[in-house]
Amino acid sequence: MLASFILAFAGLTSARAINSTSAASSFTAALVRAPPANWSEPVLSRVYNGVNINATTELGVNYIGRAAKDGADLVLFPELWFPGYPRGNDDIWIEKWVDNYVDNSISVGDANWDKLVAAARLNSVYVGLAYSERVERVIYMAQALIDPEGEVIIHRHKLRPSGGERNIWSDGLTDGFKVVNTTYGRIGMLECWEHFHPAMTFPMQAQAEAIHLASWPYTPDYNEPAALAFEKAEINMAAASLYAVNSGAYVLVATVGRAAAFSPDGSELASISASIPGNVAPYLMVSLNTTGFNGLPEFNVNGEQSWGILKEIEEGWPAGVPKENGTFRNTVTNRF
């Protein structure tokens, strides 16, 4: 784990020690919580109907345009919304569906990618994509942040897909831990259970985000007895809240069902019930006053997430635990 930290931090030690500036005093985000095409409802339905990337892209373009007309400055999508998160992705699912899923994954520069980039540009909004990205017959759990001019300013792959996801999607690289200056302050992004793991959260929080974009695939309401442990709102919303506290950033959670937003103190700023159909409320609108984001530093060498603290973690490594890489962090590549 420490080796992953050091790789991620290698580029941070030479980061520009300047202040970022924000020209805007307010920011409104649309957190998509309606399902993609072919998705079965309710949120915890175990019925899988396959995916259709062309139909889902058209739906996404529609939501970007609608949200922009409603005043959104940014539109954020749930994890793997393009073409849709495959609930029940066990060995039987892989055998039956994986080739179809790979075929319905987006390749950077293909027709569906170009439509989504064009939607950001035509509507003059930031768009946070969360999608399955295909590179030949390998797929990655990907995120991208597109600016209002249609420029891709963040493009990353989930470092280690979670649990059974790692039998389908391949591992990303640490160079995807990137925070960028925008009109509304410094923005970064992670997805789902990356928010639980220091190898992912520490290098992001070291870069002083003002706004953090968090994508989960789907989330039911609290106290949902049918939810499996990894699906529970109690667990996943707690991770988002803790991330807000540790980073000092606003955390915006896009997820099919119960979308939410958290203040830097960890309190819930806004949410919407998963029981409300997606066609009734396709996104949760959240507005922030970004005046205070002017002049924020890009890092804090004296902070809890800093190079010095990283070295302290190494120095405090328990004597009885071997300093070995093990095999878990070996890069996994699945080719179909």
C-alpha atoms as a PDB file:
ATOM      1  CA  MET A   1       0.000   0.000   0.000  1.00  0.00           C
ATOM      2  CA  LEU A   2       2.820   2.395   0.852  1.00  0.00           C
ATOM      3  CA  ALA A   3       4.361   1.813  -2.564  1.00  0.00           C
ATOM      4  CA  SER A   4       1.090   2.894  -4.151  1.00  0.00           C
ATOM      5  CA  PHE A   5       1.139   6.054  -2.007  1.00  0.00           C
ATOM      6  CA  ILE A   6       4.683   6.899  -3.072  1.00  0.00           C
ATOM      7  CA  LEU A   7       3.938   6.425  -6.767  1.00  0.00           C
ATOM      8  CA  ALA A   8       0.925   8.678  -6.486  1.00  0.00           C
ATOM      9  CA  PHE A   9       2.876  11.307  -4.572  1.00  0.00           C
ATOM     10  CA  ALA A  10       5.865  11.382  -6.904  1.00  0.00           C
ATOM     11  CA  GLY A  11       4.285  14.114  -9.005  1.00  0.00           C
ATOM     12  CA  LEU A  12       2.989  16.112  -6.031  1.00  0.00           C
ATOM     13  CA  THR A  13       6.326  17.072  -4.538  1.00  0.00           C
ATOM     14  CA  SER A  14       6.985  19.424  -7.451  1.00  0.00           C
ATOM     15  CA  ALA A  15       3.462  20.835  -7.589  1.00  0.00           C
ATOM     16  CA  ARG A  16       3.152  24.564  -8.121  1.00  0.00           C
ATOM     17  CA  ALA A  17       2.889  26.340  -4.778  1.00  0.00           C
ATOM     18  CA  ILE A  18       0.489  28.970  -6.062  1.00  0.00           C
ATOM     19  CA  ASN A  19      -3.067  29.897  -5.186  1.00  0.00           C
ATOM     20  CA  SER A  20      -5.938  28.778  -7.364  1.00  0.00           C
ATOM     21  CA  THR A  21      -8.578  31.373  -8.175  1.00  0.00           C
ATOM     22  CA  SER A  22     -12.303  31.158  -8.750  1.00  0.00           C
ATOM     23  CA  ALA A  23     -14.091  33.649 -10.993  1.00  0.00           C
ATOM     24  CA  ALA A  24     -17.566  32.411 -10.031  1.00  0.00           C
ATOM     25  CA  SER A  25     -19.396  33.011  -6.751  1.00  0.00           C
ATOM     26  CA  SER A  26     -21.984  30.242  -7.118  1.00  0.00           C
ATOM     27  CA  PHE A  27     -22.037  26.707  -8.446  1.00  0.00           C
ATOM     28  CA  THR A  28     -24.930  24.370  -9.186  1.00  0.00           C
ATOM     29  CA  ALA A  29     -24.522  20.654  -9.822  1.00  0.00           C
ATOM     30  CA  ALA A  30     -27.038  18.176 -11.191  1.00  0.00           C
ATOM     31  CA  LEU A  31     -26.403  14.760  -9.636  1.00  0.00           C
ATOM     32  CA  VAL A  32     -27.972  12.201 -11.947  1.00  0.00           C
ATOM     33  CA  ARG A  33     -29.965   9.548 -10.063  1.00  0.00           C
ATOM     34  CA  ALA A  34     -32.260   8.237 -12.794  1.00  0.00           C
ATOM     35  CA  PRO A  35     -31.318   4.841 -14.263  1.00  0.00           C
ATOM     36  CA  PRO A  36     -29.696   4.264 -17.642  1.00  0.00           C
ATOM     37  CA  ALA A  37     -31.579   2.621 -20.516  1.00  0.00           C
ATOM     38  CA  ASN A  38     -32.700  -1.007 -19.952  1.00  0.00           C
ATOM     39  CA  TRP A  39     -32.275  -0.662 -16.169  1.00  0.00           C
ATOM     40  CA  SER A  40     -34.861  -2.527 -14.134  1.00  0.00           C
ATOM     41  CA  GLU A  41     -36.483  -0.741 -11.203  1.00  0.00           C
ATOM     42  CA  PRO A  42     -36.763  -0.505  -8.219  1.00  0.00           C
ATOM     43  CA  VAL A  43     -33.178   0.230  -7.266  1.00  0.00           C
ATOM     44  CA  LEU A  44     -32.511  -3.203  -5.760  1.00  0.00           C
ATOM     45  CA  SER A  45     -34.117  -5.186  -8.577  1.00  0.00           C
ATOM     46  CA  ARG A  46     -32.034  -8.254  -9.450  1.00  0.00           C
ATOM     47  CA  VAL A  47     -33.414  -8.461 -12.990  1.00  0.00           C
ATOM     48  CA  TYR A  48     -30.763  -7.848 -15.654  1.00  0.00           C
ATOM     49  CA  ASN A  49     -31.984  -6.868 -19.116  1.00  0.00           C
ATOM     50  CA  GLY A  50     -28.661  -6.243 -20.802  1.00  0.00           C
ATOM     51  CA  VAL A  51     -27.320  -2.829 -21.781  1.00  0.00           C
ATOM     52  CA  ASN A  52     -27.669  -0.500 -24.737  1.00  0.00           C
ATOM     53  CA  ILE A  53     -24.928   2.111 -24.955  1.00  0.00           C
ATOM     54  CA  ASN A  54     -26.518   3.993 -27.848  1.00  0.00           C
ATOM     55  CA  ALA A  55     -29.819   4.439 -26.017  1.00  0.00           C
ATOM     56  CA  THR A  56     -28.054   5.297 -22.758  1.00  0.00           C
ATOM     57  CA  THR A  57     -25.861   7.892 -24.471  1.00  0.00           C
ATOM     58  CA  GLU A  58     -28.935   9.557 -25.960  1.00  0.00           C
ATOM     59  CA  LEU A  59     -30.535   9.576 -22.519  1.00  0.00           C
ATOM     60  CA  GLY A  60     -27.378  11.067 -20.994  1.00  0.00           C
ATOM     61  CA  VAL A  61     -27.213  13.794 -23.632  1.00  0.00           C
ATOM     62  CA  ASN A  62     -30.855  14.587 -22.890  1.00  0.00           C
ATOM     63  CA  TYR A  63     -30.176  14.894 -19.154  1.00  0.00           C
ATOM     64  CA  ILE A  64     -27.180  17.148 -19.765  1.00  0.00           C
ATOM     65  CA  GLY A  65     -29.313  19.494 -21.854  1.00  0.00           C
ATOM     66  CA  ARG A  66     -32.214  19.462 -19.388  1.00  0.00           C
ATOM     67  CA  ALA A  67     -29.969  20.056 -16.403  1.00  0.00           C
ATOM     68  CA  ALA A  68     -28.202  22.931 -18.146  1.00  0.00           C
ATOM     69  CA  LYS A  69     -31.580  24.582 -18.818  1.00  0.00           C
ATOM     70  CA  ASP A  70     -32.389  24.097 -15.125  1.00  0.00           C
ATOM     71  CA  GLY A  71     -29.273  26.081 -14.227  1.00  0.00           C
ATOM     72  CA  ALA A  72     -26.646  23.375 -13.719  1.00  0.00           C
ATOM     73  CA  ASP A  73     -22.978  24.267 -14.096  1.00  0.00           C
ATOM     74  CA  LEU A  74     -21.966  20.605 -13.803  1.00  0.00           C
ATOM     75  CA  VAL A  75     -23.742  17.323 -14.510  1.00  0.00           C
ATOM     76  CA  LEU A  76     -22.405  14.246 -12.694  1.00  0.00           C
ATOM     77  CA  PHE A  77     -23.288  10.638 -13.551  1.00  0.00           C
ATOM     78  CA  PRO A  78     -23.280   7.497 -11.349  1.00  0.00           C
ATOM     79  CA  GLU A  79     -20.575   4.830 -11.586  1.00  0.00           C
ATOM     80  CA  LEU A  80     -20.707   2.850 -14.851  1.00  0.00           C
ATOM     81  CA  TRP A  81     -23.884   4.695 -15.848  1.00  0.00           C
ATOM     82  CA  PHE A  82     -22.675   4.304 -19.409  1.00  0.00           C
ATOM     83  CA  PRO A  83     -23.844   1.660 -20.292  1.00  0.00           C
ATOM     84  CA  GLY A  84     -25.146   0.619 -16.814  1.00  0.00           C
ATOM     85  CA  TYR A  85     -23.874  -1.203 -13.737  1.00  0.00           C
ATOM     86  CA  PRO A  86     -24.461  -4.972 -14.083  1.00  0.00           C
ATOM     87  CA  ARG A  87     -26.121  -6.026 -10.838  1.00  0.00           C
ATOM     88  CA  GLY A  88     -25.489  -9.692 -10.127  1.00  0.00           C
ATOM     89  CA  ASN A  89     -22.193  -9.861 -12.023  1.00  0.00           C
ATOM     90  CA  ASP A  90     -21.168 -13.337 -10.873  1.00  0.00           C
ATOM     91  CA  ASP A  91     -19.510 -16.127 -12.898  1.00  0.00           C
ATOM     92  CA  ILE A  92     -22.806 -17.042 -14.567  1.00  0.00           C
ATOM     93  CA  TRP A  93     -23.307 -13.404 -15.588  1.00  0.00           C
ATOM     94  CA  ILE A  94     -19.772 -13.223 -16.980  1.00  0.00           C
ATOM     95  CA  GLU A  95     -20.275 -16.310 -19.120  1.00  0.00           C
ATOM     96  CA  LYS A  96     -23.598 -15.097 -20.520  1.00  0.00           C
ATOM     97  CA  TRP A  97     -23.225 -11.343 -20.745  1.00  0.00           C
ATOM     98  CA  VAL A  98     -19.631 -10.109 -20.648  1.00  0.00           C
ATOM     99  CA  ASP A  99     -19.026 -10.049 -24.420  1.00  0.00           C
ATOM    100  CA  ASN A 100     -22.186  -8.000 -24.901  1.00  0.00           C
ATOM    101  CA  TYR A 101     -21.090  -5.664 -22.106  1.00  0.00           C
ATOM    102  CA  VAL A 102     -17.646  -5.153 -23.641  1.00  0.00           C
ATOM    103  CA  ASP A 103     -19.286  -4.376 -26.980  1.00  0.00           C
ATOM    104  CA  ASN A 104     -21.464  -1.760 -25.238  1.00  0.00           C
ATOM    105  CA  SER A 105     -18.560  -0.040 -23.472  1.00  0.00           C
ATOM    106  CA  ILE A 106     -17.329   3.346 -24.669  1.00  0.00           C
ATOM    107  CA  SER A 107     -14.030   3.861 -26.457  1.00  0.00           C
ATOM    108  CA  VAL A 108     -12.507   7.334 -26.221  1.00  0.00           C
ATOM    109  CA  GLY A 109     -13.135   9.021 -29.559  1.00  0.00           C
ATOM    110  CA  ASP A 110     -16.005   6.779 -30.687  1.00  0.00           C
ATOM    111  CA  ALA A 111     -19.394   8.137 -31.734  1.00  0.00           C
ATOM    112  CA  ASN A 112     -20.957   7.961 -28.261  1.00  0.00           C
ATOM    113  CA  TRP A 113     -17.929   9.580 -26.616  1.00  0.00           C
ATOM    114  CA  ASP A 114     -18.071  12.413 -29.162  1.00  0.00           C
ATOM    115  CA  LYS A 115     -21.791  12.955 -28.469  1.00  0.00           C
ATOM    116  CA  LEU A 116     -21.155  13.339 -24.741  1.00  0.00           C
ATOM    117  CA  VAL A 117     -18.223  15.704 -25.257  1.00  0.00           C
ATOM    118  CA  ALA A 118     -20.339  17.729 -27.679  1.00  0.00           C
ATOM    119  CA  ALA A 119     -23.164  17.891 -25.116  1.00  0.00           C
ATOM    120  CA  ALA A 120     -20.810  19.485 -22.587  1.00  0.00           C
ATOM    121  CA  ARG A 121     -19.617  22.012 -25.143  1.00  0.00           C
ATOM    122  CA  LEU A 122     -23.028  22.840 -26.631  1.00  0.00           C
ATOM    123  CA  ASN A 123     -24.573  23.336 -23.198  1.00  0.00           C
ATOM    124  CA  SER A 124     -21.513  25.119 -21.725  1.00  0.00           C
ATOM    125  CA  VAL A 125     -21.379  22.875 -18.652  1.00  0.00           C
ATOM    126  CA  TYR A 126     -18.875  20.642 -16.938  1.00  0.00           C
ATOM    127  CA  VAL A 127     -19.788  16.971 -17.292  1.00  0.00           C
ATOM    128  CA  GLY A 128     -18.543  14.258 -14.944  1.00  0.00           C
ATOM    129  CA  LEU A 129     -18.761  10.972 -16.820  1.00  0.00           C
ATOM    130  CA  ALA A 130     -18.616   7.551 -15.174  1.00  0.00           C
ATOM    131  CA  TYR A 131     -18.482   4.765 -17.725  1.00  0.00           C
ATOM    132  CA  SER A 132     -17.086   1.428 -18.845  1.00  0.00           C
ATOM    133  CA  GLU A 133     -14.185   2.221 -21.153  1.00  0.00           C
ATOM    134  CA  ARG A 134     -13.073  -0.246 -23.798  1.00  0.00           C
ATOM    135  CA  VAL A 135      -9.518  -0.473 -25.080  1.00  0.00           C
ATOM    136  CA  GLU A 136      -9.601  -3.311 -27.599  1.00  0.00           C
ATOM    137  CA  ARG A 137     -11.045  -6.238 -25.545  1.00  0.00           C
ATOM    138  CA  VAL A 138     -10.060  -4.827 -22.138  1.00  0.00           C
ATOM    139  CA  ILE A 139     -12.494  -2.674 -20.151  1.00  0.00           C
ATOM    140  CA  TYR A 140     -11.873  -0.217 -17.319  1.00  0.00           C
ATOM    141  CA  MET A 141     -14.126   1.476 -14.775  1.00  0.00           C
ATOM    142  CA  ALA A 142     -13.519   5.011 -15.990  1.00  0.00           C
ATOM    143  CA  GLN A 143     -14.274   8.605 -15.073  1.00  0.00           C
ATOM    144  CA  ALA A 144     -13.760  11.784 -17.053  1.00  0.00           C
ATOM    145  CA  LEU A 145     -14.342  15.462 -16.353  1.00  0.00           C
ATOM    146  CA  ILE A 146     -15.132  17.479 -19.466  1.00  0.00           C
ATOM    147  CA  ASP A 147     -15.076  21.269 -19.290  1.00  0.00           C
ATOM    148  CA  PRO A 148     -17.595  23.645 -20.954  1.00  0.00           C
ATOM    149  CA  GLU A 149     -15.308  23.991 -23.979  1.00  0.00           C
ATOM    150  CA  GLY A 150     -15.343  20.245 -24.548  1.00  0.00           C
ATOM    151  CA  GLU A 151     -11.810  19.668 -23.244  1.00  0.00           C
ATOM    152  CA  VAL A 152     -11.139  16.536 -21.186  1.00  0.00           C
ATOM    153  CA  ILE A 153      -9.401  17.816 -18.037  1.00  0.00           C
ATOM    154  CA  ILE A 154      -9.525  14.571 -16.021  1.00  0.00           C
ATOM    155  CA  HIS A 155      -9.456  11.056 -17.454  1.00  0.00           C
ATOM    156  CA  ARG A 156      -8.885   8.177 -15.070  1.00  0.00           C
ATOM    157  CA  HIS A 157      -9.456   4.471 -14.447  1.00  0.00           C
ATOM    158  CA  LYS A 158     -10.509   3.031 -11.085  1.00  0.00           C
ATOM    159  CA  LEU A 159      -7.258   1.866  -9.502  1.00  0.00           C
ATOM    160  CA  ARG A 160      -8.606  -1.477  -8.292  1.00  0.00           C
ATOM    161  CA  PRO A 161     -12.161  -2.530  -9.119  1.00  0.00           C
ATOM    162  CA  SER A 162     -13.916  -3.720  -5.963  1.00  0.00           C
ATOM    163  CA  GLY A 163     -14.646  -7.341  -5.115  1.00  0.00           C
ATOM    164  CA  GLY A 164     -16.028  -9.309  -8.050  1.00  0.00           C
ATOM    165  CA  GLU A 165     -15.690  -6.257 -10.319  1.00  0.00           C
ATOM    166  CA  ARG A 166     -12.007  -7.162 -10.595  1.00  0.00           C
ATOM    167  CA  ASN A 167     -12.949 -10.319 -12.535  1.00  0.00           C
ATOM    168  CA  ILE A 168     -14.391  -8.123 -15.285  1.00  0.00           C
ATOM    169  CA  TRP A 169     -12.742  -4.702 -15.321  1.00  0.00           C
ATOM    170  CA  SER A 170      -8.986  -4.195 -15.310  1.00  0.00           C
ATOM    171  CA  ASP A 171      -6.896  -2.174 -12.865  1.00  0.00           C
ATOM    172  CA  GLY A 172      -6.083   1.477 -13.454  1.00  0.00           C
ATOM    173  CA  LEU A 173      -2.937   3.456 -12.664  1.00  0.00           C
ATOM    174  CA  THR A 174      -2.056   5.885  -9.886  1.00  0.00           C
ATOM    175  CA  ASP A 175      -1.555   8.720 -12.390  1.00  0.00           C
ATOM    176  CA  GLY A 176      -5.344   9.085 -12.395  1.00  0.00           C
ATOM    177  CA  PHE A 177      -5.314  10.754  -8.964  1.00  0.00           C
ATOM    178  CA  LYS A 178      -5.659  14.277 -10.296  1.00  0.00           C
ATOM    179  CA  VAL A 179      -7.251  17.466  -8.971  1.00  0.00           C
ATOM    180  CA  VAL A 180      -7.728  20.372 -11.387  1.00  0.00           C
ATOM    181  CA  ASN A 181      -8.375  24.097 -11.129  1.00  0.00           C
ATOM    182  CA  THR A 182     -11.737  25.174 -12.553  1.00  0.00           C
ATOM    183  CA  THR A 183     -13.905  28.256 -12.622  1.00  0.00           C
ATOM    184  CA  TYR A 184     -15.487  27.005  -9.409  1.00  0.00           C
ATOM    185  CA  GLY A 185     -12.394  25.948  -7.496  1.00  0.00           C
ATOM    186  CA  ARG A 186     -10.351  22.749  -7.372  1.00  0.00           C
ATOM    187  CA  ILE A 187     -12.242  19.600  -8.407  1.00  0.00           C
ATOM    188  CA  GLY A 188     -11.321  15.930  -8.175  1.00  0.00           C
ATOM    189  CA  MET A 189     -13.166  12.636  -8.569  1.00  0.00           C
ATOM    190  CA  LEU A 190     -13.219   9.037  -7.324  1.00  0.00           C
ATOM    191  CA  GLU A 191     -15.822   6.299  -7.557  1.00  0.00           C
ATOM    192  CA  CYS A 192     -17.610   4.010  -5.148  1.00  0.00           C
ATOM    193  CA  TRP A 193     -15.407   2.007  -2.759  1.00  0.00           C
ATOM    194  CA  GLU A 194     -12.290   3.956  -3.701  1.00  0.00           C
ATOM    195  CA  HIS A 195     -13.567   6.261  -0.957  1.00  0.00           C
ATOM    196  CA  PHE A 196     -12.750   3.599   1.652  1.00  0.00           C
ATOM    197  CA  HIS A 197      -9.105   3.027   0.775  1.00  0.00           C
ATOM    198  CA  PRO A 198      -6.165   5.297   1.774  1.00  0.00           C
ATOM    199  CA  ALA A 199      -4.252   4.317  -1.383  1.00  0.00           C
ATOM    200  CA  MET A 200      -6.937   6.251  -3.297  1.00  0.00           C
ATOM    201  CA  THR A 201      -8.115   8.901  -0.831  1.00  0.00           C
ATOM    202  CA  PHE A 202      -4.754  10.087   0.551  1.00  0.00           C
ATOM    203  CA  PRO A 203      -3.206  11.342  -2.724  1.00  0.00           C
ATOM    204  CA  MET A 204      -6.480  13.015  -3.699  1.00  0.00           C
ATOM    205  CA  GLN A 205      -6.896  14.802  -0.372  1.00  0.00           C
ATOM    206  CA  ALA A 206      -3.280  15.960  -0.514  1.00  0.00           C
ATOM    207  CA  GLN A 207      -4.240  18.116  -3.513  1.00  0.00           C
ATOM    208  CA  ALA A 208      -6.725  20.314  -1.630  1.00  0.00           C
ATOM    209  CA  GLU A 209     -10.031  19.731  -3.389  1.00  0.00           C
ATOM    210  CA  ALA A 210     -12.794  22.276  -2.918  1.00  0.00           C
ATOM    211  CA  ILE A 211     -15.370  20.063  -4.644  1.00  0.00           C
ATOM    212  CA  HIS A 212     -15.171  16.285  -4.816  1.00  0.00           C
ATOM    213  CA  LEU A 213     -17.208  14.312  -7.352  1.00  0.00           C
ATOM    214  CA  ALA A 214     -18.198  10.868  -6.060  1.00  0.00           C
ATOM    215  CA  SER A 215     -19.967   8.292  -8.218  1.00  0.00           C
ATOM    216  CA  TRP A 216     -21.615   5.167  -6.818  1.00  0.00           C
ATOM    217  CA  PRO A 217     -23.576   2.793  -9.092  1.00  0.00           C
ATOM    218  CA  TYR A 218     -26.851   2.676  -7.101  1.00  0.00           C
ATOM    219  CA  THR A 219     -27.957   3.305  -3.537  1.00  0.00           C
ATOM    220  CA  PRO A 220     -31.238   2.487  -1.772  1.00  0.00           C
ATOM    221  CA  ASP A 221     -32.650   4.455   1.137  1.00  0.00           C
ATOM    222  CA  TYR A 222     -31.513   3.929   4.726  1.00  0.00           C
ATOM    223  CA  ASN A 223     -32.882   0.929   6.637  1.00  0.00           C
ATOM    224  CA  GLU A 224     -33.508  -1.083   3.476  1.00  0.00           C
ATOM    225  CA  PRO A 225     -33.670  -4.746   4.589  1.00  0.00           C
ATOM    226  CA  ALA A 226     -33.123  -6.122   1.070  1.00  0.00           C
ATOM    227  CA  ALA A 227     -29.803  -4.307   0.625  1.00  0.00           C
ATOM    228  CA  LEU A 228     -26.608  -6.331   0.717  1.00  0.00           C
ATOM    229  CA  ALA A 229     -23.821  -4.961   2.904  1.00  0.00           C
ATOM    230  CA  PHE A 230     -21.977  -3.251   0.051  1.00  0.00           C
ATOM    231  CA  GLU A 231     -25.229  -1.675  -1.193  1.00  0.00           C
ATOM    232  CA  LYS A 232     -26.357  -0.116   2.076  1.00  0.00           C
ATOM    233  CA  ALA A 233     -26.797   3.646   2.254  1.00  0.00           C
ATOM    234  CA  GLU A 234     -25.591   3.520   5.860  1.00  0.00           C
ATOM    235  CA  ILE A 235     -22.163   2.341   4.680  1.00  0.00           C
ATOM    236  CA  ASN A 236     -21.691   4.256   1.454  1.00  0.00           C
ATOM    237  CA  MET A 237     -23.051   7.591   2.651  1.00  0.00           C
ATOM    238  CA  ALA A 238     -20.817   7.304   5.714  1.00  0.00           C
ATOM    239  CA  ALA A 239     -17.814   6.965   3.401  1.00  0.00           C
ATOM    240  CA  ALA A 240     -18.851  10.108   1.513  1.00  0.00           C
ATOM    241  CA  SER A 241     -19.367  12.009   4.762  1.00  0.00           C
ATOM    242  CA  LEU A 242     -15.984  10.940   6.139  1.00  0.00           C
ATOM    243  CA  TYR A 243     -14.305  11.910   2.875  1.00  0.00           C
ATOM    244  CA  ALA A 244     -15.784  15.397   3.248  1.00  0.00           C
ATOM    245  CA  VAL A 245     -14.378  15.723   6.777  1.00  0.00           C
ATOM    246  CA  ASN A 246     -10.911  14.467   5.840  1.00  0.00           C
ATOM    247  CA  SER A 247     -10.636  16.559   2.680  1.00  0.00           C
ATOM    248  CA  GLY A 248     -12.466  19.714   3.750  1.00  0.00           C
ATOM    249  CA  ALA A 249     -14.317  19.532   0.430  1.00  0.00           C
ATOM    250  CA  TYR A 250     -17.945  19.475  -0.565  1.00  0.00           C
ATOM    251  CA  VAL A 251     -18.730  15.911  -1.677  1.00  0.00           C
ATOM    252  CA  LEU A 252     -21.336  15.409  -4.404  1.00  0.00           C
ATOM    253  CA  VAL A 253     -22.692  11.870  -4.734  1.00  0.00           C
ATOM    254  CA  ALA A 254     -24.301  10.762  -7.996  1.00  0.00           C
ATOM    255  CA  THR A 255     -25.921   7.327  -7.739  1.00  0.00           C
ATOM    256  CA  VAL A 256     -29.040   5.698  -9.123  1.00  0.00           C
ATOM    257  CA  GLY A 257     -31.557   6.101  -6.339  1.00  0.00           C
ATOM    258  CA  ARG A 258     -30.482   8.100  -3.276  1.00  0.00           C
ATOM    259  CA  ALA A 259     -28.238  10.910  -4.543  1.00  0.00           C
ATOM    260  CA  ALA A 260     -26.810  13.249  -1.893  1.00  0.00           C
ATOM    261  CA  ALA A 261     -24.343  16.021  -1.093  1.00  0.00           C
ATOM    262  CA  PHE A 262     -22.191  16.605   1.991  1.00  0.00           C
ATOM    263  CA  SER A 263     -20.684  19.737   3.518  1.00  0.00           C
ATOM    264  CA  PRO A 264     -16.995  19.866   4.534  1.00  0.00           C
ATOM    265  CA  ASP A 265     -18.035  19.203   8.139  1.00  0.00           C
ATOM    266  CA  GLY A 266     -19.537  15.867   7.072  1.00  0.00           C
ATOM    267  CA  SER A 267     -23.164  16.874   7.474  1.00  0.00           C
ATOM    268  CA  GLU A 268     -25.654  16.048   4.749  1.00  0.00           C
ATOM    269  CA  LEU A 269     -26.381  19.115   2.675  1.00  0.00           C
ATOM    270  CA  ALA A 270     -29.055  17.629   0.399  1.00  0.00           C
ATOM    271  CA  SER A 271     -30.496  14.267  -0.620  1.00  0.00           C
ATOM    272  CA  ILE A 272     -33.394  12.650  -2.433  1.00  0.00           C
ATOM    273  CA  SER A 273     -35.175   9.402  -1.615  1.00  0.00           C
ATOM    274  CA  ALA A 274     -34.507   6.358  -3.774  1.00  0.00           C
ATOM    275  CA  SER A 275     -38.260   5.740  -3.745  1.00  0.00           C
ATOM    276  CA  ILE A 276     -38.846   8.698  -6.088  1.00  0.00           C
ATOM    277  CA  PRO A 277     -38.883   7.385  -9.678  1.00  0.00           C
ATOM    278  CA  GLY A 278     -36.082   8.531 -11.948  1.00  0.00           C
ATOM    279  CA  ASN A 279     -38.502   9.812 -14.567  1.00  0.00           C
ATOM    280  CA  VAL A 280     -40.032  12.094 -11.936  1.00  0.00           C
ATOM    281  CA  ALA A 281     -36.725  13.498 -10.689  1.00  0.00           C
ATOM    282  CA  PRO A 282     -33.821  12.469 -12.941  1.00  0.00           C
ATOM    283  CA  TYR A 283     -31.253  14.440 -10.927  1.00  0.00           C
ATOM    284  CA  LEU A 284     -30.720  16.171  -7.601  1.00  0.00           C
ATOM    285  CA  MET A 285     -29.818  19.857  -7.928  1.00  0.00           C
ATOM    286  CA  VAL A 286     -27.320  21.185  -5.380  1.00  0.00           C
ATOM    287  CA  SER A 287     -26.047  24.777  -5.189  1.00  0.00           C
ATOM    288  CA  LEU A 288     -22.895  25.986  -3.417  1.00  0.00           C
ATOM    289  CA  ASN A 289     -21.515  29.415  -2.640  1.00  0.00           C
ATOM    290  CA  THR A 290     -18.012  29.247  -4.097  1.00  0.00           C
ATOM    291  CA  THR A 291     -16.903  32.722  -3.027  1.00  0.00           C
ATOM    292  CA  GLY A 292     -14.754  31.184  -0.296  1.00  0.00           C
ATOM    293  CA  PHE A 293     -12.903  29.072  -2.849  1.00  0.00           C
ATOM    294  CA  ASN A 294     -10.942  32.088  -4.065  1.00  0.00           C
ATOM    295  CA  GLY A 295      -7.234  31.897  -3.258  1.00  0.00           C
ATOM    296  CA  LEU A 296      -7.276  28.413  -1.769  1.00  0.00           C
ATOM    297  CA  PRO A 297      -3.854  26.697  -1.794  1.00  0.00           C
ATOM    298  CA  GLU A 298      -3.190  23.684  -3.999  1.00  0.00           C
ATOM    299  CA  PHE A 299      -1.656  21.702  -1.133  1.00  0.00           C
ATOM    300  CA  ASN A 300      -0.645  22.023   2.509  1.00  0.00           C
ATOM    301  CA  VAL A 301       2.800  20.696   3.453  1.00  0.00           C
ATOM    302  CA  ASN A 302       1.739  20.968   7.107  1.00  0.00           C
ATOM    303  CA  GLY A 303      -1.556  19.122   6.665  1.00  0.00           C
ATOM    304  CA  GLU A 304      -2.737  15.640   7.622  1.00  0.00           C
ATOM    305  CA  GLN A 305      -2.526  14.583   3.977  1.00  0.00           C
ATOM    306  CA  SER A 306       1.054  15.559   3.146  1.00  0.00           C
ATOM    307  CA  TRP A 307       4.414  14.049   2.275  1.00  0.00           C
ATOM    308  CA  GLY A 308       5.593  14.318   5.860  1.00  0.00           C
ATOM    309  CA  ILE A 309       2.598  12.366   7.142  1.00  0.00           C
ATOM    310  CA  LEU A 310       3.101   9.763   4.421  1.00  0.00           C
ATOM    311  CA  LYS A 311       6.665   9.222   5.656  1.00  0.00           C
ATOM    312  CA  GLU A 312       5.353   9.056   9.214  1.00  0.00           C
ATOM    313  CA  ILE A 313       3.077   6.197   8.150  1.00  0.00           C
ATOM    314  CA  GLU A 314       6.137   4.363   6.873  1.00  0.00           C
ATOM    315  CA  GLU A 315       8.086   5.069  10.056  1.00  0.00           C
ATOM    316  CA  GLY A 316       5.191   3.820  12.165  1.00  0.00           C
ATOM    317  CA  TRP A 317       4.787   0.573  10.260  1.00  0.00           C
ATOM    318  CA  PRO A 318       4.317  -2.224  12.857  1.00  0.00           C
ATOM    319  CA  ALA A 319       7.501  -4.207  13.442  1.00  0.00           C
ATOM    320  CA  GLY A 320       5.674  -7.527  13.286  1.00  0.00           C
ATOM    321  CA  VAL A 321       4.115  -6.912   9.866  1.00  0.00           C
ATOM    322  CA  PRO A 322       6.397  -7.753   6.888  1.00  0.00           C
ATOM    323  CA  LYS A 323       7.291  -4.929   4.509  1.00  0.00           C
ATOM    324  CA  GLU A 324       6.322  -6.934   1.454  1.00  0.00           C
ATOM    325  CA  ASN A 325       4.344  -5.897  -1.607  1.00  0.00           C
ATOM    326  CA  GLY A 326       2.348  -9.110  -1.701  1.00  0.00           C
ATOM    327  CA  THR A 327       0.264  -9.963  -4.759  1.00  0.00           C
ATOM    328  CA  PHE A 328      -2.899  -7.932  -4.146  1.00  0.00           C
ATOM    329  CA  ARG A 329      -1.458  -4.789  -5.706  1.00  0.00           C
ATOM    330  CA  ASN A 330      -0.220  -6.615  -8.824  1.00  0.00           C
ATOM    331  CA  THR A 331      -1.952  -5.077 -11.835  1.00  0.00           C
ATOM    332  CA  VAL A 332      -4.859  -7.217 -13.052  1.00  0.00           C
ATOM    333  CA  THR A 333      -5.746  -7.126 -16.743  1.00  0.00           C
ATOM    334  CA  ASN A 334      -8.785  -9.050 -18.001  1.00  0.00           C
ATOM    335  CA  ARG A 335      -9.052  -9.594 -21.743  1.00  0.00           C
ATOM    336  CA  PHE A 336     -12.284 -10.850 -23.321  1.00  0.00           C
END
